[in-house]
Amino acid sequence: MSIISIVLILLVACEFFYIMYLETLATTSATTSRVFHLNQEKLADQAVNTLFKNQGVYNGLIGVGLVYSVFFATASLEISRLILVYIILVALYGSLTSDKKIILTQGGLAILAFISTFFN
């Protein structure tokens, strides 16, 4: 994989670690409220809070998978592409069902990283 692809993939991992932070550790913060367009009272609701924390773990594991694919996997390119396609599809689904901007905010960097893997 090229250095550009590695850097982009690691930036996507950082993005997902940040999402994990917002969803699991800063669940009721003003930043989380702004990012997810939910008021802090809603975020403090026990059911929503639990769902956010669960979702945060998934997002963190996506980041871990990307880091693993770059530094430890023997099939680095294939695993990276698989996870990036997953991210892109989930962002596409989110843009169709929730907010059109999700394809760019959550999927944009992943799309660039995915495309970059085809140019070595």
PDB file of N, CA and C in Angstrom:
ATOM      1  N   MET A   1       0.841  -1.174   0.000  1.00  0.00           N
ATOM      2  CA  MET A   1       0.000   0.000   0.000  1.00  0.00           C
ATOM      3  C   MET A   1       0.888   1.239   0.000  1.00  0.00           C
ATOM      4  N   SER A   2       0.396   2.284  -0.622  1.00  0.00           N
ATOM      5  CA  SER A   2       1.164   3.520  -0.681  1.00  0.00           C
ATOM      6  C   SER A   2       1.089   4.265   0.655  1.00  0.00           C
ATOM      7  N   ILE A   3       2.030   5.157   0.860  1.00  0.00           N
ATOM      8  CA  ILE A   3       2.050   5.982   2.077  1.00  0.00           C
ATOM      9  C   ILE A   3       0.773   6.822   2.172  1.00  0.00           C
ATOM     10  N   ILE A   4       0.309   7.335   1.041  1.00  0.00           N
ATOM     11  CA  ILE A   4      -0.914   8.145   1.028  1.00  0.00           C
ATOM     12  C   ILE A   4      -2.104   7.317   1.516  1.00  0.00           C
ATOM     13  N   SER A   5      -2.207   6.084   1.021  1.00  0.00           N
ATOM     14  CA  SER A   5      -3.299   5.204   1.460  1.00  0.00           C
ATOM     15  C   SER A   5      -3.209   4.923   2.952  1.00  0.00           C
ATOM     16  N   ILE A   6      -2.023   4.641   3.431  1.00  0.00           N
ATOM     17  CA  ILE A   6      -1.837   4.350   4.854  1.00  0.00           C
ATOM     18  C   ILE A   6      -2.244   5.550   5.701  1.00  0.00           C
ATOM     19  N   VAL A   7      -1.798   6.740   5.303  1.00  0.00           N
ATOM     20  CA  VAL A   7      -2.150   7.948   6.054  1.00  0.00           C
ATOM     21  C   VAL A   7      -3.657   8.168   6.053  1.00  0.00           C
ATOM     22  N   LEU A   8      -4.296   8.022   4.892  1.00  0.00           N
ATOM     23  CA  LEU A   8      -5.748   8.223   4.807  1.00  0.00           C
ATOM     24  C   LEU A   8      -6.502   7.191   5.646  1.00  0.00           C
ATOM     25  N   ILE A   9      -6.065   5.945   5.596  1.00  0.00           N
ATOM     26  CA  ILE A   9      -6.722   4.894   6.376  1.00  0.00           C
ATOM     27  C   ILE A   9      -6.575   5.169   7.870  1.00  0.00           C
ATOM     28  N   LEU A  10      -5.401   5.611   8.296  1.00  0.00           N
ATOM     29  CA  LEU A  10      -5.203   5.929   9.705  1.00  0.00           C
ATOM     30  C   LEU A  10      -6.010   7.152  10.129  1.00  0.00           C
ATOM     31  N   LEU A  11      -6.211   8.097   9.214  1.00  0.00           N
ATOM     32  CA  LEU A  11      -7.081   9.239   9.519  1.00  0.00           C
ATOM     33  C   LEU A  11      -8.532   8.791   9.688  1.00  0.00           C
ATOM     34  N   VAL A  12      -8.971   7.850   8.864  1.00  0.00           N
ATOM     35  CA  VAL A  12     -10.322   7.294   9.023  1.00  0.00           C
ATOM     36  C   VAL A  12     -10.426   6.606  10.388  1.00  0.00           C
ATOM     37  N   ALA A  13      -9.396   5.851  10.774  1.00  0.00           N
ATOM     38  CA  ALA A  13      -9.388   5.199  12.085  1.00  0.00           C
ATOM     39  C   ALA A  13      -9.512   6.243  13.188  1.00  0.00           C
ATOM     40  N   CYS A  14      -8.756   7.336  13.076  1.00  0.00           N
ATOM     41  CA  CYS A  14      -8.836   8.413  14.077  1.00  0.00           C
ATOM     42  C   CYS A  14     -10.237   9.006  14.137  1.00  0.00           C
ATOM     43  N   GLU A  15     -10.858   9.170  12.980  1.00  0.00           N
ATOM     44  CA  GLU A  15     -12.227   9.686  12.932  1.00  0.00           C
ATOM     45  C   GLU A  15     -13.166   8.772  13.727  1.00  0.00           C
ATOM     46  N   PHE A  16     -13.004   7.460  13.564  1.00  0.00           N
ATOM     47  CA  PHE A  16     -13.874   6.524  14.258  1.00  0.00           C
ATOM     48  C   PHE A  16     -13.549   6.435  15.746  1.00  0.00           C
ATOM     49  N   PHE A  17     -12.289   6.643  16.118  1.00  0.00           N
ATOM     50  CA  PHE A  17     -11.953   6.718  17.537  1.00  0.00           C
ATOM     51  C   PHE A  17     -12.574   7.967  18.160  1.00  0.00           C
ATOM     52  N   TYR A  18     -12.625   9.059  17.403  1.00  0.00           N
ATOM     53  CA  TYR A  18     -13.260  10.285  17.898  1.00  0.00           C
ATOM     54  C   TYR A  18     -14.766  10.085  18.061  1.00  0.00           C
ATOM     55  N   ILE A  19     -15.390   9.422  17.083  1.00  0.00           N
ATOM     56  CA  ILE A  19     -16.821   9.122  17.194  1.00  0.00           C
ATOM     57  C   ILE A  19     -17.064   8.252  18.428  1.00  0.00           C
ATOM     58  N   MET A  20     -16.182   7.262  18.640  1.00  0.00           N
ATOM     59  CA  MET A  20     -16.302   6.407  19.824  1.00  0.00           C
ATOM     60  C   MET A  20     -16.213   7.249  21.100  1.00  0.00           C
ATOM     61  N   TYR A  21     -15.263   8.166  21.146  1.00  0.00           N
ATOM     62  CA  TYR A  21     -15.115   9.042  22.305  1.00  0.00           C
ATOM     63  C   TYR A  21     -16.410   9.819  22.563  1.00  0.00           C
ATOM     64  N   LEU A  22     -16.968  10.415  21.505  1.00  0.00           N
ATOM     65  CA  LEU A  22     -18.199  11.191  21.666  1.00  0.00           C
ATOM     66  C   LEU A  22     -19.343  10.326  22.177  1.00  0.00           C
ATOM     67  N   GLU A  23     -19.431   9.104  21.656  1.00  0.00           N
ATOM     68  CA  GLU A  23     -20.570   8.248  21.979  1.00  0.00           C
ATOM     69  C   GLU A  23     -20.426   7.512  23.310  1.00  0.00           C
ATOM     70  N   THR A  24     -19.196   7.258  23.747  1.00  0.00           N
ATOM     71  CA  THR A  24     -19.033   6.460  24.966  1.00  0.00           C
ATOM     72  C   THR A  24     -18.579   7.266  26.177  1.00  0.00           C
ATOM     73  N   LEU A  25     -17.722   8.247  25.987  1.00  0.00           N
ATOM     74  CA  LEU A  25     -17.171   8.990  27.120  1.00  0.00           C
ATOM     75  C   LEU A  25     -17.778  10.381  27.270  1.00  0.00           C
ATOM     76  N   ALA A  26     -18.126  11.011  26.162  1.00  0.00           N
ATOM     77  CA  ALA A  26     -18.676  12.371  26.203  1.00  0.00           C
ATOM     78  C   ALA A  26     -20.125  12.375  25.734  1.00  0.00           C
ATOM     79  N   THR A  27     -20.851  11.358  26.131  1.00  0.00           N
ATOM     80  CA  THR A  27     -22.202  11.125  25.616  1.00  0.00           C
ATOM     81  C   THR A  27     -23.130  12.312  25.775  1.00  0.00           C
ATOM     82  N   THR A  28     -23.065  12.994  26.889  1.00  0.00           N
ATOM     83  CA  THR A  28     -24.007  14.095  27.136  1.00  0.00           C
ATOM     84  C   THR A  28     -23.372  15.473  26.950  1.00  0.00           C
ATOM     85  N   SER A  29     -22.236  15.533  26.295  1.00  0.00           N
ATOM     86  CA  SER A  29     -21.539  16.818  26.132  1.00  0.00           C
ATOM     87  C   SER A  29     -22.212  17.698  25.074  1.00  0.00           C
ATOM     88  N   ALA A  30     -21.873  18.968  25.127  1.00  0.00           N
ATOM     89  CA  ALA A  30     -22.385  19.916  24.133  1.00  0.00           C
ATOM     90  C   ALA A  30     -21.873  19.558  22.734  1.00  0.00           C
ATOM     91  N   THR A  31     -20.648  19.071  22.653  1.00  0.00           N
ATOM     92  CA  THR A  31     -20.093  18.678  21.345  1.00  0.00           C
ATOM     93  C   THR A  31     -20.869  17.512  20.758  1.00  0.00           C
ATOM     94  N   THR A  32     -21.142  16.501  21.581  1.00  0.00           N
ATOM     95  CA  THR A  32     -21.925  15.351  21.109  1.00  0.00           C
ATOM     96  C   THR A  32     -23.309  15.803  20.679  1.00  0.00           C
ATOM     97  N   SER A  33     -23.911  16.695  21.440  1.00  0.00           N
ATOM     98  CA  SER A  33     -25.220  17.245  21.103  1.00  0.00           C
ATOM     99  C   SER A  33     -25.189  17.924  19.732  1.00  0.00           C
ATOM    100  N   ARG A  34     -24.155  18.719  19.500  1.00  0.00           N
ATOM    101  CA  ARG A  34     -24.025  19.446  18.229  1.00  0.00           C
ATOM    102  C   ARG A  34     -23.762  18.491  17.066  1.00  0.00           C
ATOM    103  N   VAL A  35     -22.844  17.552  17.259  1.00  0.00           N
ATOM    104  CA  VAL A  35     -22.463  16.631  16.181  1.00  0.00           C
ATOM    105  C   VAL A  35     -23.631  15.755  15.745  1.00  0.00           C
ATOM    106  N   PHE A  36     -24.396  15.258  16.717  1.00  0.00           N
ATOM    107  CA  PHE A  36     -25.479  14.329  16.399  1.00  0.00           C
ATOM    108  C   PHE A  36     -26.853  14.986  16.332  1.00  0.00           C
ATOM    109  N   HIS A  37     -26.896  16.309  16.465  1.00  0.00           N
ATOM    110  CA  HIS A  37     -28.151  17.071  16.358  1.00  0.00           C
ATOM    111  C   HIS A  37     -29.210  16.569  17.332  1.00  0.00           C
ATOM    112  N   LEU A  38     -28.780  16.302  18.567  1.00  0.00           N
ATOM    113  CA  LEU A  38     -29.693  15.898  19.628  1.00  0.00           C
ATOM    114  C   LEU A  38     -29.449  16.797  20.827  1.00  0.00           C
ATOM    115  N   ASN A  39     -30.531  17.204  21.504  1.00  0.00           N
ATOM    116  CA  ASN A  39     -30.309  18.053  22.671  1.00  0.00           C
ATOM    117  C   ASN A  39     -29.743  17.226  23.824  1.00  0.00           C
ATOM    118  N   GLN A  40     -29.110  17.917  24.763  1.00  0.00           N
ATOM    119  CA  GLN A  40     -28.433  17.228  25.860  1.00  0.00           C
ATOM    120  C   GLN A  40     -29.398  16.473  26.764  1.00  0.00           C
ATOM    121  N   GLU A  41     -30.630  16.947  26.854  1.00  0.00           N
ATOM    122  CA  GLU A  41     -31.629  16.234  27.656  1.00  0.00           C
ATOM    123  C   GLU A  41     -31.917  14.861  27.034  1.00  0.00           C
ATOM    124  N   LYS A  42     -32.035  14.830  25.724  1.00  0.00           N
ATOM    125  CA  LYS A  42     -32.281  13.560  25.023  1.00  0.00           C
ATOM    126  C   LYS A  42     -31.090  12.616  25.208  1.00  0.00           C
ATOM    127  N   LEU A  43     -29.877  13.167  25.106  1.00  0.00           N
ATOM    128  CA  LEU A  43     -28.681  12.353  25.279  1.00  0.00           C
ATOM    129  C   LEU A  43     -28.565  11.801  26.701  1.00  0.00           C
ATOM    130  N   ALA A  44     -29.127  12.511  27.680  1.00  0.00           N
ATOM    131  CA  ALA A  44     -29.084  12.059  29.071  1.00  0.00           C
ATOM    132  C   ALA A  44     -30.105  10.964  29.354  1.00  0.00           C
ATOM    133  N   ASP A  45     -31.099  10.800  28.475  1.00  0.00           N
ATOM    134  CA  ASP A  45     -32.086   9.735  28.632  1.00  0.00           C
ATOM    135  C   ASP A  45     -31.348   8.392  28.686  1.00  0.00           C
ATOM    136  N   GLN A  46     -31.662   7.569  29.663  1.00  0.00           N
ATOM    137  CA  GLN A  46     -30.931   6.327  29.902  1.00  0.00           C
ATOM    138  C   GLN A  46     -30.918   5.411  28.674  1.00  0.00           C
ATOM    139  N   ALA A  47     -32.043   5.276  27.994  1.00  0.00           N
ATOM    140  CA  ALA A  47     -32.101   4.397  26.827  1.00  0.00           C
ATOM    141  C   ALA A  47     -31.214   4.918  25.698  1.00  0.00           C
ATOM    142  N   VAL A  48     -31.282   6.212  25.433  1.00  0.00           N
ATOM    143  CA  VAL A  48     -30.461   6.818  24.375  1.00  0.00           C
ATOM    144  C   VAL A  48     -28.990   6.726  24.755  1.00  0.00           C
ATOM    145  N   ASN A  49     -28.684   7.005  26.013  1.00  0.00           N
ATOM    146  CA  ASN A  49     -27.311   6.955  26.506  1.00  0.00           C
ATOM    147  C   ASN A  49     -26.725   5.552  26.323  1.00  0.00           C
ATOM    148  N   THR A  50     -27.497   4.535  26.673  1.00  0.00           N
ATOM    149  CA  THR A  50     -27.040   3.149  26.522  1.00  0.00           C
ATOM    150  C   THR A  50     -26.826   2.803  25.050  1.00  0.00           C
ATOM    151  N   LEU A  51     -27.758   3.211  24.198  1.00  0.00           N
ATOM    152  CA  LEU A  51     -27.609   2.946  22.771  1.00  0.00           C
ATOM    153  C   LEU A  51     -26.369   3.634  22.197  1.00  0.00           C
ATOM    154  N   PHE A  52     -26.125   4.868  22.602  1.00  0.00           N
ATOM    155  CA  PHE A  52     -24.946   5.599  22.138  1.00  0.00           C
ATOM    156  C   PHE A  52     -23.664   4.893  22.556  1.00  0.00           C
ATOM    157  N   LYS A  53     -23.610   4.453  23.798  1.00  0.00           N
ATOM    158  CA  LYS A  53     -22.408   3.774  24.284  1.00  0.00           C
ATOM    159  C   LYS A  53     -22.168   2.477  23.519  1.00  0.00           C
ATOM    160  N   ASN A  54     -23.217   1.736  23.236  1.00  0.00           N
ATOM    161  CA  ASN A  54     -23.102   0.500  22.465  1.00  0.00           C
ATOM    162  C   ASN A  54     -22.600   0.804  21.051  1.00  0.00           C
ATOM    163  N   GLN A  55     -23.179   1.804  20.434  1.00  0.00           N
ATOM    164  CA  GLN A  55     -22.775   2.206  19.091  1.00  0.00           C
ATOM    165  C   GLN A  55     -21.321   2.686  19.097  1.00  0.00           C
ATOM    166  N   GLY A  56     -20.922   3.356  20.162  1.00  0.00           N
ATOM    167  CA  GLY A  56     -19.549   3.838  20.282  1.00  0.00           C
ATOM    168  C   GLY A  56     -18.538   2.705  20.280  1.00  0.00           C
ATOM    169  N   VAL A  57     -18.887   1.604  20.942  1.00  0.00           N
ATOM    170  CA  VAL A  57     -17.990   0.448  20.950  1.00  0.00           C
ATOM    171  C   VAL A  57     -17.808  -0.082  19.529  1.00  0.00           C
ATOM    172  N   TYR A  58     -18.877  -0.173  18.772  1.00  0.00           N
ATOM    173  CA  TYR A  58     -18.781  -0.618  17.378  1.00  0.00           C
ATOM    174  C   TYR A  58     -17.865   0.305  16.575  1.00  0.00           C
ATOM    175  N   ASN A  59     -18.052   1.608  16.742  1.00  0.00           N
ATOM    176  CA  ASN A  59     -17.222   2.557  15.997  1.00  0.00           C
ATOM    177  C   ASN A  59     -15.759   2.454  16.404  1.00  0.00           C
ATOM    178  N   GLY A  60     -15.497   2.257  17.682  1.00  0.00           N
ATOM    179  CA  GLY A  60     -14.122   2.066  18.131  1.00  0.00           C
ATOM    180  C   GLY A  60     -13.490   0.828  17.534  1.00  0.00           C
ATOM    181  N   LEU A  61     -14.272  -0.239  17.438  1.00  0.00           N
ATOM    182  CA  LEU A  61     -13.751  -1.483  16.852  1.00  0.00           C
ATOM    183  C   LEU A  61     -13.476  -1.347  15.356  1.00  0.00           C
ATOM    184  N   ILE A  62     -14.224  -0.504  14.681  1.00  0.00           N
ATOM    185  CA  ILE A  62     -13.917  -0.218  13.272  1.00  0.00           C
ATOM    186  C   ILE A  62     -12.542   0.444  13.196  1.00  0.00           C
ATOM    187  N   GLY A  63     -12.283   1.394  14.082  1.00  0.00           N
ATOM    188  CA  GLY A  63     -10.971   2.030  14.131  1.00  0.00           C
ATOM    189  C   GLY A  63      -9.869   1.021  14.415  1.00  0.00           C
ATOM    190  N   VAL A  64     -10.099   0.128  15.369  1.00  0.00           N
ATOM    191  CA  VAL A  64      -9.120  -0.908  15.693  1.00  0.00           C
ATOM    192  C   VAL A  64      -8.866  -1.796  14.469  1.00  0.00           C
ATOM    193  N   GLY A  65      -9.931  -2.157  13.770  1.00  0.00           N
ATOM    194  CA  GLY A  65      -9.783  -2.982  12.565  1.00  0.00           C
ATOM    195  C   GLY A  65      -8.929  -2.307  11.509  1.00  0.00           C
ATOM    196  N   LEU A  66      -9.111  -1.003  11.330  1.00  0.00           N
ATOM    197  CA  LEU A  66      -8.304  -0.272  10.349  1.00  0.00           C
ATOM    198  C   LEU A  66      -6.837  -0.220  10.765  1.00  0.00           C
ATOM    199  N   VAL A  67      -6.582   0.032  12.038  1.00  0.00           N
ATOM    200  CA  VAL A  67      -5.195   0.045  12.525  1.00  0.00           C
ATOM    201  C   VAL A  67      -4.576  -1.341  12.344  1.00  0.00           C
ATOM    202  N   TYR A  68      -5.331  -2.375  12.690  1.00  0.00           N
ATOM    203  CA  TYR A  68      -4.847  -3.748  12.507  1.00  0.00           C
ATOM    204  C   TYR A  68      -4.522  -4.017  11.039  1.00  0.00           C
ATOM    205  N   SER A  69      -5.410  -3.569  10.152  1.00  0.00           N
ATOM    206  CA  SER A  69      -5.205  -3.838   8.728  1.00  0.00           C
ATOM    207  C   SER A  69      -3.929  -3.191   8.198  1.00  0.00           C
ATOM    208  N   VAL A  70      -3.570  -2.049   8.736  1.00  0.00           N
ATOM    209  CA  VAL A  70      -2.377  -1.336   8.268  1.00  0.00           C
ATOM    210  C   VAL A  70      -1.097  -1.926   8.861  1.00  0.00           C
ATOM    211  N   PHE A  71      -1.103  -2.238  10.146  1.00  0.00           N
ATOM    212  CA  PHE A  71       0.146  -2.593  10.825  1.00  0.00           C
ATOM    213  C   PHE A  71       0.374  -4.085  11.043  1.00  0.00           C
ATOM    214  N   PHE A  72      -0.670  -4.889  11.086  1.00  0.00           N
ATOM    215  CA  PHE A  72      -0.483  -6.273  11.500  1.00  0.00           C
ATOM    216  C   PHE A  72      -0.980  -7.325  10.514  1.00  0.00           C
ATOM    217  N   ALA A  73      -1.907  -7.002   9.663  1.00  0.00           N
ATOM    218  CA  ALA A  73      -2.540  -8.001   8.795  1.00  0.00           C
ATOM    219  C   ALA A  73      -1.603  -8.439   7.674  1.00  0.00           C
ATOM    220  N   THR A  74      -1.692  -9.706   7.324  1.00  0.00           N
ATOM    221  CA  THR A  74      -0.917 -10.194   6.178  1.00  0.00           C
ATOM    222  C   THR A  74      -1.618  -9.829   4.868  1.00  0.00           C
ATOM    223  N   ALA A  75      -2.933  -9.688   4.915  1.00  0.00           N
ATOM    224  CA  ALA A  75      -3.703  -9.271   3.740  1.00  0.00           C
ATOM    225  C   ALA A  75      -4.168  -7.832   3.957  1.00  0.00           C
ATOM    226  N   SER A  76      -3.216  -6.956   4.172  1.00  0.00           N
ATOM    227  CA  SER A  76      -3.478  -5.574   4.570  1.00  0.00           C
ATOM    228  C   SER A  76      -4.427  -4.844   3.620  1.00  0.00           C
ATOM    229  N   LEU A  77      -4.149  -4.919   2.344  1.00  0.00           N
ATOM    230  CA  LEU A  77      -4.949  -4.203   1.351  1.00  0.00           C
ATOM    231  C   LEU A  77      -6.391  -4.691   1.342  1.00  0.00           C
ATOM    232  N   GLU A  78      -6.575  -5.999   1.349  1.00  0.00           N
ATOM    233  CA  GLU A  78      -7.918  -6.555   1.288  1.00  0.00           C
ATOM    234  C   GLU A  78      -8.734  -6.218   2.534  1.00  0.00           C
ATOM    235  N   ILE A  79      -8.115  -6.332   3.696  1.00  0.00           N
ATOM    236  CA  ILE A  79      -8.849  -6.037   4.932  1.00  0.00           C
ATOM    237  C   ILE A  79      -9.176  -4.550   5.000  1.00  0.00           C
ATOM    238  N   SER A  80      -8.229  -3.711   4.616  1.00  0.00           N
ATOM    239  CA  SER A  80      -8.486  -2.261   4.603  1.00  0.00           C
ATOM    240  C   SER A  80      -9.652  -1.930   3.685  1.00  0.00           C
ATOM    241  N   ARG A  81      -9.628  -2.476   2.486  1.00  0.00           N
ATOM    242  CA  ARG A  81     -10.715  -2.210   1.535  1.00  0.00           C
ATOM    243  C   ARG A  81     -12.050  -2.709   2.070  1.00  0.00           C
ATOM    244  N   LEU A  82     -12.059  -3.887   2.667  1.00  0.00           N
ATOM    245  CA  LEU A  82     -13.298  -4.442   3.204  1.00  0.00           C
ATOM    246  C   LEU A  82     -13.906  -3.518   4.253  1.00  0.00           C
ATOM    247  N   ILE A  83     -13.094  -3.056   5.191  1.00  0.00           N
ATOM    248  CA  ILE A  83     -13.600  -2.179   6.239  1.00  0.00           C
ATOM    249  C   ILE A  83     -14.023  -0.833   5.662  1.00  0.00           C
ATOM    250  N   LEU A  84     -13.254  -0.311   4.718  1.00  0.00           N
ATOM    251  CA  LEU A  84     -13.611   0.971   4.093  1.00  0.00           C
ATOM    252  C   LEU A  84     -14.930   0.866   3.330  1.00  0.00           C
ATOM    253  N   VAL A  85     -15.141  -0.235   2.619  1.00  0.00           N
ATOM    254  CA  VAL A  85     -16.417  -0.433   1.911  1.00  0.00           C
ATOM    255  C   VAL A  85     -17.560  -0.504   2.917  1.00  0.00           C
ATOM    256  N   TYR A  86     -17.341  -1.179   4.024  1.00  0.00           N
ATOM    257  CA  TYR A  86     -18.351  -1.245   5.083  1.00  0.00           C
ATOM    258  C   TYR A  86     -18.706   0.163   5.558  1.00  0.00           C
ATOM    259  N   ILE A  87     -17.699   0.973   5.829  1.00  0.00           N
ATOM    260  CA  ILE A  87     -17.923   2.351   6.295  1.00  0.00           C
ATOM    261  C   ILE A  87     -18.703   3.143   5.251  1.00  0.00           C
ATOM    262  N   ILE A  88     -18.326   3.012   3.998  1.00  0.00           N
ATOM    263  CA  ILE A  88     -18.986   3.745   2.913  1.00  0.00           C
ATOM    264  C   ILE A  88     -20.450   3.325   2.794  1.00  0.00           C
ATOM    265  N   LEU A  89     -20.716   2.026   2.870  1.00  0.00           N
ATOM    266  CA  LEU A  89     -22.100   1.546   2.771  1.00  0.00           C
ATOM    267  C   LEU A  89     -22.949   2.015   3.947  1.00  0.00           C
ATOM    268  N   VAL A  90     -22.379   2.001   5.145  1.00  0.00           N
ATOM    269  CA  VAL A  90     -23.122   2.477   6.315  1.00  0.00           C
ATOM    270  C   VAL A  90     -23.383   3.982   6.192  1.00  0.00           C
ATOM    271  N   ALA A  91     -22.397   4.729   5.691  1.00  0.00           N
ATOM    272  CA  ALA A  91     -22.589   6.176   5.490  1.00  0.00           C
ATOM    273  C   ALA A  91     -23.649   6.428   4.424  1.00  0.00           C
ATOM    274  N   LEU A  92     -23.669   5.619   3.382  1.00  0.00           N
ATOM    275  CA  LEU A  92     -24.684   5.745   2.343  1.00  0.00           C
ATOM    276  C   LEU A  92     -26.068   5.475   2.919  1.00  0.00           C
ATOM    277  N   TYR A  93     -26.180   4.430   3.713  1.00  0.00           N
ATOM    278  CA  TYR A  93     -27.455   4.122   4.364  1.00  0.00           C
ATOM    279  C   TYR A  93     -27.886   5.278   5.265  1.00  0.00           C
ATOM    280  N   GLY A  94     -26.949   5.803   6.047  1.00  0.00           N
ATOM    281  CA  GLY A  94     -27.255   6.933   6.926  1.00  0.00           C
ATOM    282  C   GLY A  94     -27.699   8.160   6.155  1.00  0.00           C
ATOM    283  N   SER A  95     -27.088   8.373   4.984  1.00  0.00           N
ATOM    284  CA  SER A  95     -27.478   9.547   4.187  1.00  0.00           C
ATOM    285  C   SER A  95     -28.857   9.368   3.566  1.00  0.00           C
ATOM    286  N   LEU A  96     -29.247   8.140   3.326  1.00  0.00           N
ATOM    287  CA  LEU A  96     -30.572   7.876   2.764  1.00  0.00           C
ATOM    288  C   LEU A  96     -31.671   7.896   3.829  1.00  0.00           C
ATOM    289  N   THR A  97     -31.317   7.516   5.058  1.00  0.00           N
ATOM    290  CA  THR A  97     -32.345   7.365   6.094  1.00  0.00           C
ATOM    291  C   THR A  97     -32.337   8.458   7.159  1.00  0.00           C
ATOM    292  N   SER A  98     -31.242   9.209   7.266  1.00  0.00           N
ATOM    293  CA  SER A  98     -31.135  10.164   8.355  1.00  0.00           C
ATOM    294  C   SER A  98     -30.802  11.570   7.867  1.00  0.00           C
ATOM    295  N   ASP A  99     -29.562  11.783   7.479  1.00  0.00           N
ATOM    296  CA  ASP A  99     -29.084  13.104   7.092  1.00  0.00           C
ATOM    297  C   ASP A  99     -28.207  12.962   5.854  1.00  0.00           C
ATOM    298  N   LYS A 100     -28.552  13.650   4.800  1.00  0.00           N
ATOM    299  CA  LYS A 100     -27.837  13.529   3.523  1.00  0.00           C
ATOM    300  C   LYS A 100     -26.335  13.810   3.658  1.00  0.00           C
ATOM    301  N   LYS A 101     -25.947  14.642   4.620  1.00  0.00           N
ATOM    302  CA  LYS A 101     -24.534  15.011   4.784  1.00  0.00           C
ATOM    303  C   LYS A 101     -23.678  13.866   5.312  1.00  0.00           C
ATOM    304  N   ILE A 102     -24.280  12.823   5.832  1.00  0.00           N
ATOM    305  CA  ILE A 102     -23.515  11.722   6.422  1.00  0.00           C
ATOM    306  C   ILE A 102     -22.587  11.078   5.394  1.00  0.00           C
ATOM    307  N   ILE A 103     -23.004  11.004   4.145  1.00  0.00           N
ATOM    308  CA  ILE A 103     -22.145  10.396   3.126  1.00  0.00           C
ATOM    309  C   ILE A 103     -20.826  11.151   3.009  1.00  0.00           C
ATOM    310  N   LEU A 104     -20.852  12.442   3.275  1.00  0.00           N
ATOM    311  CA  LEU A 104     -19.613  13.229   3.227  1.00  0.00           C
ATOM    312  C   LEU A 104     -18.916  13.287   4.581  1.00  0.00           C
ATOM    313  N   THR A 105     -19.687  13.501   5.660  1.00  0.00           N
ATOM    314  CA  THR A 105     -19.058  13.667   6.966  1.00  0.00           C
ATOM    315  C   THR A 105     -18.488  12.360   7.512  1.00  0.00           C
ATOM    316  N   GLN A 106     -19.206  11.272   7.347  1.00  0.00           N
ATOM    317  CA  GLN A 106     -18.727   9.984   7.855  1.00  0.00           C
ATOM    318  C   GLN A 106     -18.069   9.165   6.757  1.00  0.00           C
ATOM    319  N   GLY A 107     -18.506   9.339   5.524  1.00  0.00           N
ATOM    320  CA  GLY A 107     -17.995   8.508   4.446  1.00  0.00           C
ATOM    321  C   GLY A 107     -16.967   9.161   3.548  1.00  0.00           C
ATOM    322  N   GLY A 108     -16.863  10.483   3.582  1.00  0.00           N
ATOM    323  CA  GLY A 108     -15.983  11.187   2.643  1.00  0.00           C
ATOM    324  C   GLY A 108     -14.538  10.763   2.705  1.00  0.00           C
ATOM    325  N   LEU A 109     -13.968  10.755   3.891  1.00  0.00           N
ATOM    326  CA  LEU A 109     -12.571  10.367   4.050  1.00  0.00           C
ATOM    327  C   LEU A 109     -12.371   8.889   3.714  1.00  0.00           C
ATOM    328  N   ALA A 110     -13.348   8.067   4.074  1.00  0.00           N
ATOM    329  CA  ALA A 110     -13.273   6.634   3.748  1.00  0.00           C
ATOM    330  C   ALA A 110     -13.306   6.422   2.229  1.00  0.00           C
ATOM    331  N   ILE A 111     -14.106   7.213   1.526  1.00  0.00           N
ATOM    332  CA  ILE A 111     -14.158   7.121   0.064  1.00  0.00           C
ATOM    333  C   ILE A 111     -12.803   7.470  -0.532  1.00  0.00           C
ATOM    334  N   LEU A 112     -12.203   8.562  -0.047  1.00  0.00           N
ATOM    335  CA  LEU A 112     -10.876   8.949  -0.537  1.00  0.00           C
ATOM    336  C   LEU A 112      -9.836   7.871  -0.239  1.00  0.00           C
ATOM    337  N   ALA A 113      -9.878   7.318   0.971  1.00  0.00           N
ATOM    338  CA  ALA A 113      -8.937   6.273   1.347  1.00  0.00           C
ATOM    339  C   ALA A 113      -9.124   5.050   0.457  1.00  0.00           C
ATOM    340  N   PHE A 114     -10.371   4.659   0.226  1.00  0.00           N
ATOM    341  CA  PHE A 114     -10.665   3.502  -0.623  1.00  0.00           C
ATOM    342  C   PHE A 114     -10.135   3.715  -2.045  1.00  0.00           C
ATOM    343  N   ILE A 115     -10.428   4.850  -2.622  1.00  0.00           N
ATOM    344  CA  ILE A 115      -9.946   5.144  -3.979  1.00  0.00           C
ATOM    345  C   ILE A 115      -8.428   5.112  -4.028  1.00  0.00           C
ATOM    346  N   SER A 116      -7.792   5.654  -2.996  1.00  0.00           N
ATOM    347  CA  SER A 116      -6.316   5.716  -2.988  1.00  0.00           C
ATOM    348  C   SER A 116      -5.681   4.334  -3.000  1.00  0.00           C
ATOM    349  N   THR A 117      -6.385   3.319  -2.515  1.00  0.00           N
ATOM    350  CA  THR A 117      -5.800   1.962  -2.469  1.00  0.00           C
ATOM    351  C   THR A 117      -5.636   1.354  -3.864  1.00  0.00           C
ATOM    352  N   PHE A 118      -6.233   1.968  -4.855  1.00  0.00           N
ATOM    353  CA  PHE A 118      -6.106   1.461  -6.224  1.00  0.00           C
ATOM    354  C   PHE A 118      -4.931   2.086  -6.977  1.00  0.00           C
ATOM    355  N   PHE A 119      -4.252   3.027  -6.342  1.00  0.00           N
ATOM    356  CA  PHE A 119      -3.121   3.710  -6.960  1.00  0.00           C
ATOM    357  C   PHE A 119      -1.885   3.502  -6.116  1.00  0.00           C
ATOM    358  N   ASN A 120      -1.069   2.555  -6.497  1.00  0.00           N
ATOM    359  CA  ASN A 120       0.154   2.261  -5.702  1.00  0.00           C
ATOM    360  C   ASN A 120       1.352   2.882  -6.321  1.00  0.00           C
TER     361      ASN A 120
END
